[in-house]
C-alpha atoms as a PDB file:
ATOM      1  CA  MET A   1       0.000   0.000   0.000  1.00  0.00           C
ATOM      2  CA  SER A   2       1.464   3.363  -1.031  1.00  0.00           C
ATOM      3  CA  LYS A   3       1.739   6.290   1.349  1.00  0.00           C
ATOM      4  CA  ARG A   4      -1.097   7.982  -0.527  1.00  0.00           C
ATOM      5  CA  ASP A   5      -3.303   4.943   0.018  1.00  0.00           C
ATOM      6  CA  LYS A   6      -2.696   4.796   3.765  1.00  0.00           C
ATOM      7  CA  SER A   7      -5.649   5.580   5.990  1.00  0.00           C
ATOM      8  CA  PRO A   8      -5.282   8.493   8.460  1.00  0.00           C
ATOM      9  CA  SER A   9      -5.308   6.042  11.363  1.00  0.00           C
ATOM     10  CA  SER A  10      -2.491   3.966   9.841  1.00  0.00           C
ATOM     11  CA  GLU A  11      -0.458   7.151   9.287  1.00  0.00           C
ATOM     12  CA  LEU A  12      -0.873   8.056  12.955  1.00  0.00           C
ATOM     13  CA  VAL A  13       0.194   4.582  14.063  1.00  0.00           C
ATOM     14  CA  ALA A  14       3.120   4.569  11.639  1.00  0.00           C
ATOM     15  CA  ALA A  15       4.307   7.976  12.885  1.00  0.00           C
ATOM     16  CA  ALA A  16       4.114   6.836  16.508  1.00  0.00           C
ATOM     17  CA  GLU A  17       5.969   3.583  15.757  1.00  0.00           C
ATOM     18  CA  SER A  18       8.625   5.459  13.801  1.00  0.00           C
ATOM     19  CA  LEU A  19       9.146   7.910  16.654  1.00  0.00           C
ATOM     20  CA  GLU A  20       9.441   5.072  19.153  1.00  0.00           C
ATOM     21  CA  SER A  21      12.009   3.306  16.928  1.00  0.00           C
ATOM     22  CA  GLN A  22      14.064   6.481  16.389  1.00  0.00           C
ATOM     23  CA  LEU A  23      13.922   7.311  20.096  1.00  0.00           C
ATOM     24  CA  LEU A  24      15.234   3.865  21.018  1.00  0.00           C
ATOM     25  CA  ARG A  25      18.098   4.277  18.555  1.00  0.00           C
ATOM     26  CA  PHE A  26      18.878   7.765  19.927  1.00  0.00           C
ATOM     27  CA  GLU A  27      18.932   6.432  23.505  1.00  0.00           C
ATOM     28  CA  SER A  28      21.181   3.536  22.458  1.00  0.00           C
ATOM     29  CA  LEU A  29      23.700   5.825  20.725  1.00  0.00           C
ATOM     30  CA  ALA A  30      23.653   8.300  23.623  1.00  0.00           C
ATOM     31  CA  ASP A  31      24.257   5.453  26.081  1.00  0.00           C
ATOM     32  CA  GLN A  32      27.155   4.146  23.986  1.00  0.00           C
ATOM     33  CA  LEU A  33      28.653   7.642  23.879  1.00  0.00           C
ATOM     34  CA  ARG A  34      28.394   8.049  27.652  1.00  0.00           C
ATOM     35  CA  LYS A  35      30.134   4.702  28.235  1.00  0.00           C
ATOM     36  CA  ALA A  36      32.759   5.020  25.507  1.00  0.00           C
ATOM     37  CA  PRO A  37      36.351   5.092  26.850  1.00  0.00           C
ATOM     38  CA  LEU A  38      38.397   8.181  26.094  1.00  0.00           C
ATOM     39  CA  ASN A  39      41.874   6.852  26.786  1.00  0.00           C
ATOM     40  CA  SER A  40      43.407   6.303  23.317  1.00  0.00           C
ATOM     41  CA  GLU A  41      43.474   7.761  19.834  1.00  0.00           C
ATOM     42  CA  LYS A  42      41.322   4.939  18.559  1.00  0.00           C
ATOM     43  CA  SER A  43      38.758   5.322  21.369  1.00  0.00           C
ATOM     44  CA  LEU A  44      38.659   9.088  20.821  1.00  0.00           C
ATOM     45  CA  GLU A  45      37.967   8.550  17.117  1.00  0.00           C
ATOM     46  CA  ARG A  46      35.252   6.014  17.986  1.00  0.00           C
ATOM     47  CA  ALA A  47      33.697   8.471  20.473  1.00  0.00           C
ATOM     48  CA  SER A  48      33.795  11.261  17.865  1.00  0.00           C
ATOM     49  CA  LYS A  49      32.022   8.953  15.412  1.00  0.00           C
ATOM     50  CA  LEU A  50      29.393   8.174  18.048  1.00  0.00           C
ATOM     51  CA  LEU A  51      28.934  11.898  18.714  1.00  0.00           C
ATOM     52  CA  ARG A  52      28.269  12.520  15.010  1.00  0.00           C
ATOM     53  CA  ASP A  53      25.851   9.583  14.939  1.00  0.00           C
ATOM     54  CA  VAL A  54      24.001  10.975  17.977  1.00  0.00           C
ATOM     55  CA  ALA A  55      23.746  14.409  16.320  1.00  0.00           C
ATOM     56  CA  GLU A  56      22.416  12.874  13.099  1.00  0.00           C
ATOM     57  CA  GLN A  57      19.990  10.696  15.027  1.00  0.00           C
ATOM     58  CA  ASP A  58      18.809  13.754  16.937  1.00  0.00           C
ATOM     59  CA  GLN A  59      17.839  15.365  13.620  1.00  0.00           C
ATOM     60  CA  VAL A  60      16.050  12.181  12.536  1.00  0.00           C
ATOM     61  CA  LEU A  61      14.289  12.083  15.904  1.00  0.00           C
ATOM     62  CA  ASN A  62      13.157  15.697  15.548  1.00  0.00           C
ATOM     63  CA  ALA A  63      11.737  14.871  12.118  1.00  0.00           C
ATOM     64  CA  SER A  64       9.877  11.898  13.613  1.00  0.00           C
ATOM     65  CA  VAL A  65       8.460  14.132  16.353  1.00  0.00           C
ATOM     66  CA  SER A  66       7.283  16.614  13.708  1.00  0.00           C
ATOM     67  CA  ALA A  67       5.682  13.798  11.715  1.00  0.00           C
ATOM     68  CA  LEU A  68       3.848  12.552  14.803  1.00  0.00           C
ATOM     69  CA  VAL A  69       2.670  16.066  15.674  1.00  0.00           C
ATOM     70  CA  ALA A  70       1.373  16.437  12.111  1.00  0.00           C
ATOM     71  CA  ALA A  71      -0.407  13.081  12.349  1.00  0.00           C
ATOM     72  CA  VAL A  72      -1.952  14.028  15.701  1.00  0.00           C
ATOM     73  CA  THR A  73      -3.067  17.366  14.251  1.00  0.00           C
ATOM     74  CA  ALA A  74      -4.653  15.574  11.305  1.00  0.00           C
ATOM     75  CA  ALA A  75      -6.407  13.189  13.702  1.00  0.00           C
ATOM     76  CA  ARG A  76      -7.683  16.121  15.739  1.00  0.00           C
ATOM     77  CA  ASP A  77      -8.962  17.791  12.559  1.00  0.00           C
ATOM     78  CA  ARG A  78     -10.766  14.575  11.580  1.00  0.00           C
ATOM     79  CA  GLN A  79     -12.305  14.377  15.042  1.00  0.00           C
ATOM     80  CA  GLN A  80     -13.436  18.005  14.780  1.00  0.00           C
ATOM     81  CA  ILE A  81     -15.068  17.393  11.403  1.00  0.00           C
ATOM     82  CA  GLN A  82     -16.921  14.377  12.771  1.00  0.00           C
ATOM     83  CA  ALA A  83     -17.912  16.279  15.917  1.00  0.00           C
ATOM     84  CA  GLU A  84     -19.382  19.067  13.795  1.00  0.00           C
ATOM     85  CA  ALA A  85     -21.273  16.508  11.684  1.00  0.00           C
ATOM     86  CA  VAL A  86     -22.590  14.816  14.828  1.00  0.00           C
ATOM     87  CA  ASN A  87     -23.659  18.169  16.266  1.00  0.00           C
ATOM     88  CA  ALA A  88     -25.483  19.073  13.061  1.00  0.00           C
ATOM     89  CA  ARG A  89     -27.219  15.690  13.081  1.00  0.00           C
ATOM     90  CA  ALA A  90     -28.161  16.142  16.742  1.00  0.00           C
ATOM     91  CA  GLN A  91     -29.785  19.487  15.917  1.00  0.00           C
ATOM     92  CA  GLU A  92     -31.614  17.903  13.001  1.00  0.00           C
ATOM     93  CA  LEU A  93     -32.771  15.095  15.286  1.00  0.00           C
ATOM     94  CA  GLN A  94     -34.091  17.605  17.812  1.00  0.00           C
ATOM     95  CA  GLN A  95     -35.956  19.531  15.109  1.00  0.00           C
ATOM     96  CA  ARG A  96     -37.435  16.335  13.679  1.00  0.00           C
ATOM     97  CA  ALA A  97     -38.471  15.162  17.147  1.00  0.00           C
ATOM     98  CA  GLU A  98     -40.197  18.484  17.817  1.00  0.00           C
ATOM     99  CA  THR A  99     -41.969  18.341  14.451  1.00  0.00           C
ATOM    100  CA  PHE A 100     -43.073  14.762  15.111  1.00  0.00           C
ATOM    101  CA  LYS A 101     -44.297  15.668  18.587  1.00  0.00           C
ATOM    102  CA  ALA A 102     -46.366  18.544  17.168  1.00  0.00           C
ATOM    103  CA  LEU A 103     -47.842  16.203  14.538  1.00  0.00           C
ATOM    104  CA  LEU A 104     -48.716  13.621  17.183  1.00  0.00           C
ATOM    105  CA  GLU A 105     -50.390  16.287  19.295  1.00  0.00           C
ATOM    106  CA  ARG A 106     -52.529  17.355  16.358  1.00  0.00           C
ATOM    107  CA  TYR A 107     -53.302  13.753  15.478  1.00  0.00           C
ATOM    108  CA  GLY A 108     -54.168  13.073  19.114  1.00  0.00           C
ATOM    109  CA  ALA A 109     -56.564  16.018  19.046  1.00  0.00           C
ATOM    110  CA  LEU A 110     -58.107  14.524  15.895  1.00  0.00           C
ATOM    111  CA  GLY A 111     -58.627  11.240  17.695  1.00  0.00           C
ATOM    112  CA  GLN A 112     -60.299  13.054  20.574  1.00  0.00           C
ATOM    113  CA  SER A 113     -62.563  14.945  18.165  1.00  0.00           C
ATOM    114  CA  ALA A 114     -63.468  11.669  16.438  1.00  0.00           C
ATOM    115  CA  ALA A 115     -64.292  10.091  19.802  1.00  0.00           C
ATOM    116  CA  GLU A 116     -66.531  13.043  20.666  1.00  0.00           C
ATOM    117  CA  LEU A 117     -68.278  12.722  17.317  1.00  0.00           C
ATOM    118  CA  ASN A 118     -68.806   9.017  17.935  1.00  0.00           C
ATOM    119  CA  GLN A 119     -70.394   9.818  21.305  1.00  0.00           C
ATOM    120  CA  ARG A 120     -72.663  12.387  19.693  1.00  0.00           C
ATOM    121  CA  MET A 121     -73.617   9.848  17.030  1.00  0.00           C
ATOM    122  CA  GLN A 122     -74.642   7.389  19.740  1.00  0.00           C
ATOM    123  CA  GLU A 123     -76.703  10.106  21.400  1.00  0.00           C
ATOM    124  CA  PHE A 124     -78.285  10.878  18.044  1.00  0.00           C
ATOM    125  CA  ALA A 125     -79.153   7.197  17.523  1.00  0.00           C
ATOM    126  CA  ALA A 126     -80.898   7.145  20.894  1.00  0.00           C
ATOM    127  CA  GLN A 127     -82.708  10.370  20.024  1.00  0.00           C
ATOM    128  CA  ARG A 128     -83.781   8.946  16.679  1.00  0.00           C
ATOM    129  CA  ALA A 129     -85.135   5.770  18.287  1.00  0.00           C
ATOM    130  CA  LYS A 130     -87.450   7.899  20.394  1.00  0.00           C
ATOM    131  CA  ALA A 131     -88.566  10.272  17.627  1.00  0.00           C
ATOM    132  CA  GLN A 132     -92.189   9.784  16.634  1.00  0.00           C
ATOM    133  CA  THR A 133     -93.500  13.193  15.631  1.00  0.00           C
ATOM    134  CA  PRO A 134     -92.654  15.609  12.765  1.00  0.00           C
ATOM    135  CA  GLU A 135     -91.352  18.063  15.335  1.00  0.00           C
ATOM    136  CA  GLN A 136     -88.969  15.475  16.721  1.00  0.00           C
ATOM    137  CA  ASN A 137     -87.822  14.648  13.169  1.00  0.00           C
ATOM    138  CA  THR A 138     -87.091  18.357  12.655  1.00  0.00           C
ATOM    139  CA  GLU A 139     -84.927  18.309  15.787  1.00  0.00           C
ATOM    140  CA  LEU A 140     -83.135  15.247  14.409  1.00  0.00           C
ATOM    141  CA  ILE A 141     -82.387  17.092  11.161  1.00  0.00           C
ATOM    142  CA  SER A 142     -80.997  20.022  13.121  1.00  0.00           C
ATOM    143  CA  THR A 143     -78.793  17.642  15.118  1.00  0.00           C
ATOM    144  CA  LEU A 144     -77.640  15.996  11.881  1.00  0.00           C
ATOM    145  CA  ASP A 145     -76.733  19.367  10.393  1.00  0.00           C
ATOM    146  CA  THR A 146     -74.649  20.183  13.469  1.00  0.00           C
ATOM    147  CA  LEU A 147     -72.934  16.788  13.298  1.00  0.00           C
ATOM    148  CA  ASN A 148     -72.355  17.218   9.583  1.00  0.00           C
ATOM    149  CA  GLN A 149     -70.664  20.578  10.074  1.00  0.00           C
ATOM    150  CA  ARG A 150     -68.467  19.236  12.832  1.00  0.00           C
ATOM    151  CA  MET A 151     -67.465  16.250  10.683  1.00  0.00           C
ATOM    152  CA  VAL A 152     -66.450  18.623   7.906  1.00  0.00           C
ATOM    153  CA  GLU A 153     -64.278  20.605  10.335  1.00  0.00           C
ATOM    154  CA  VAL A 154     -62.574  17.492  11.720  1.00  0.00           C
ATOM    155  CA  ALA A 155     -62.108  16.012   8.238  1.00  0.00           C
ATOM    156  CA  ASP A 156     -60.498  19.277   7.071  1.00  0.00           C
ATOM    157  CA  GLU A 157     -58.152  19.188  10.051  1.00  0.00           C
ATOM    158  CA  ALA A 158     -57.293  15.561   9.241  1.00  0.00           C
ATOM    159  CA  GLN A 159     -56.492  16.577   5.668  1.00  0.00           C
ATOM    160  CA  SER A 160     -54.270  19.376   6.978  1.00  0.00           C
ATOM    161  CA  VAL A 161     -52.422  16.967   9.283  1.00  0.00           C
ATOM    162  CA  THR A 162     -52.043  14.481   6.412  1.00  0.00           C
ATOM    163  CA  GLY A 163     -50.531  17.139   4.148  1.00  0.00           C
ATOM    164  CA  LEU A 164     -48.126  18.352   6.819  1.00  0.00           C
ATOM    165  CA  ALA A 165     -47.084  14.794   7.709  1.00  0.00           C
ATOM    166  CA  GLU A 166     -46.359  13.984   4.057  1.00  0.00           C
ATOM    167  CA  GLU A 167     -44.492  17.266   3.630  1.00  0.00           C
ATOM    168  CA  GLN A 168     -42.327  16.435   6.664  1.00  0.00           C
ATOM    169  CA  ASP A 169     -41.881  12.813   5.472  1.00  0.00           C
ATOM    170  CA  PHE A 170     -43.693  11.260   8.443  1.00  0.00           C
ATOM    171  CA  THR A 171     -45.706   8.912   6.277  1.00  0.00           C
ATOM    172  CA  ASP A 172     -47.077   6.782   9.130  1.00  0.00           C
ATOM    173  CA  VAL A 173     -48.841   9.728  10.723  1.00  0.00           C
ATOM    174  CA  GLY A 174     -49.992  10.836   7.275  1.00  0.00           C
ATOM    175  CA  ARG A 175     -51.559   7.458   6.551  1.00  0.00           C
ATOM    176  CA  GLN A 176     -53.264   7.331   9.938  1.00  0.00           C
ATOM    177  CA  SER A 177     -54.745  10.816   9.683  1.00  0.00           C
ATOM    178  CA  ASP A 178     -55.875  10.176   6.089  1.00  0.00           C
ATOM    179  CA  SER A 179     -57.534   6.942   7.201  1.00  0.00           C
ATOM    180  CA  LEU A 180     -59.380   8.886   9.888  1.00  0.00           C
ATOM    181  CA  ARG A 181     -60.432  11.445   7.291  1.00  0.00           C
ATOM    182  CA  GLN A 182     -61.806   8.708   5.031  1.00  0.00           C
ATOM    183  CA  GLN A 183     -63.791   7.266   7.931  1.00  0.00           C
ATOM    184  CA  LEU A 184     -65.237  10.673   8.716  1.00  0.00           C
ATOM    185  CA  LEU A 185     -66.238  11.270   5.103  1.00  0.00           C
ATOM    186  CA  SER A 186     -67.862   7.832   4.936  1.00  0.00           C
ATOM    187  CA  ALA A 187     -69.835   8.540   8.112  1.00  0.00           C
ATOM    188  CA  ARG A 188     -70.804  11.954   6.750  1.00  0.00           C
ATOM    189  CA  ASN A 189     -72.174  10.390   3.564  1.00  0.00           C
ATOM    190  CA  LYS A 190     -74.317   8.068   5.648  1.00  0.00           C
ATOM    191  CA  LEU A 191     -75.592  11.031   7.655  1.00  0.00           C
ATOM    192  CA  ASN A 192     -76.524  12.864   4.469  1.00  0.00           C
ATOM    193  CA  LEU A 193     -78.522   9.860   3.261  1.00  0.00           C
ATOM    194  CA  LEU A 194     -80.218   9.653   6.643  1.00  0.00           C
ATOM    195  CA  ARG A 195     -81.040  13.354   6.523  1.00  0.00           C
ATOM    196  CA  LYS A 196     -82.675  12.974   3.121  1.00  0.00           C
ATOM    197  CA  GLY A 197     -84.807  10.152   4.528  1.00  0.00           C
ATOM    198  CA  LEU A 198     -85.847  12.252   7.504  1.00  0.00           C
ATOM    199  CA  ALA A 199     -86.602  15.288   5.353  1.00  0.00           C
ATOM    200  CA  SER A 200     -88.881  13.288   3.067  1.00  0.00           C
ATOM    201  CA  SER A 201     -90.784  11.630   5.921  1.00  0.00           C
END
């Protein structure tokens, strides 16, 4: 694998291993220089050679330190980029959670409205069972008209929630609110047929 192909993590490891290797060599040469005898021409020449080797190794060691610092800096930059991406995603998550919560609240209100309509329908059925006079039928028609209007309002709200859910890509909520809307429209159609029957009686 070429140097260009190396991953940033492998470059960091390689720089650290290189520094460790160069440091060990520097320590070995320095130790040899400290222990070298200085009591003959030959030993003085050997010590001078060791001194040059230590100086050269010191330069190599400094280069290895610089390489490691550069690798650490690159790693820190990578971490910073990822941290910024994570932070941006966290903000997006918070915004999406708030949007979803608002949608659920509106859908929950729809469910409550539908439950209230169902209760009123049951009350209407009981009222209809007792109706025997034209006047009572007129009251039934008035009740139906009120129910009809309320169904239209709730169905419109369901359509609004469906559109917003689809726009925000929360398809589950969109499907649920649209299903509720369809149920309301179906019930409204039945009410209209019932009203026609009452009006003609």
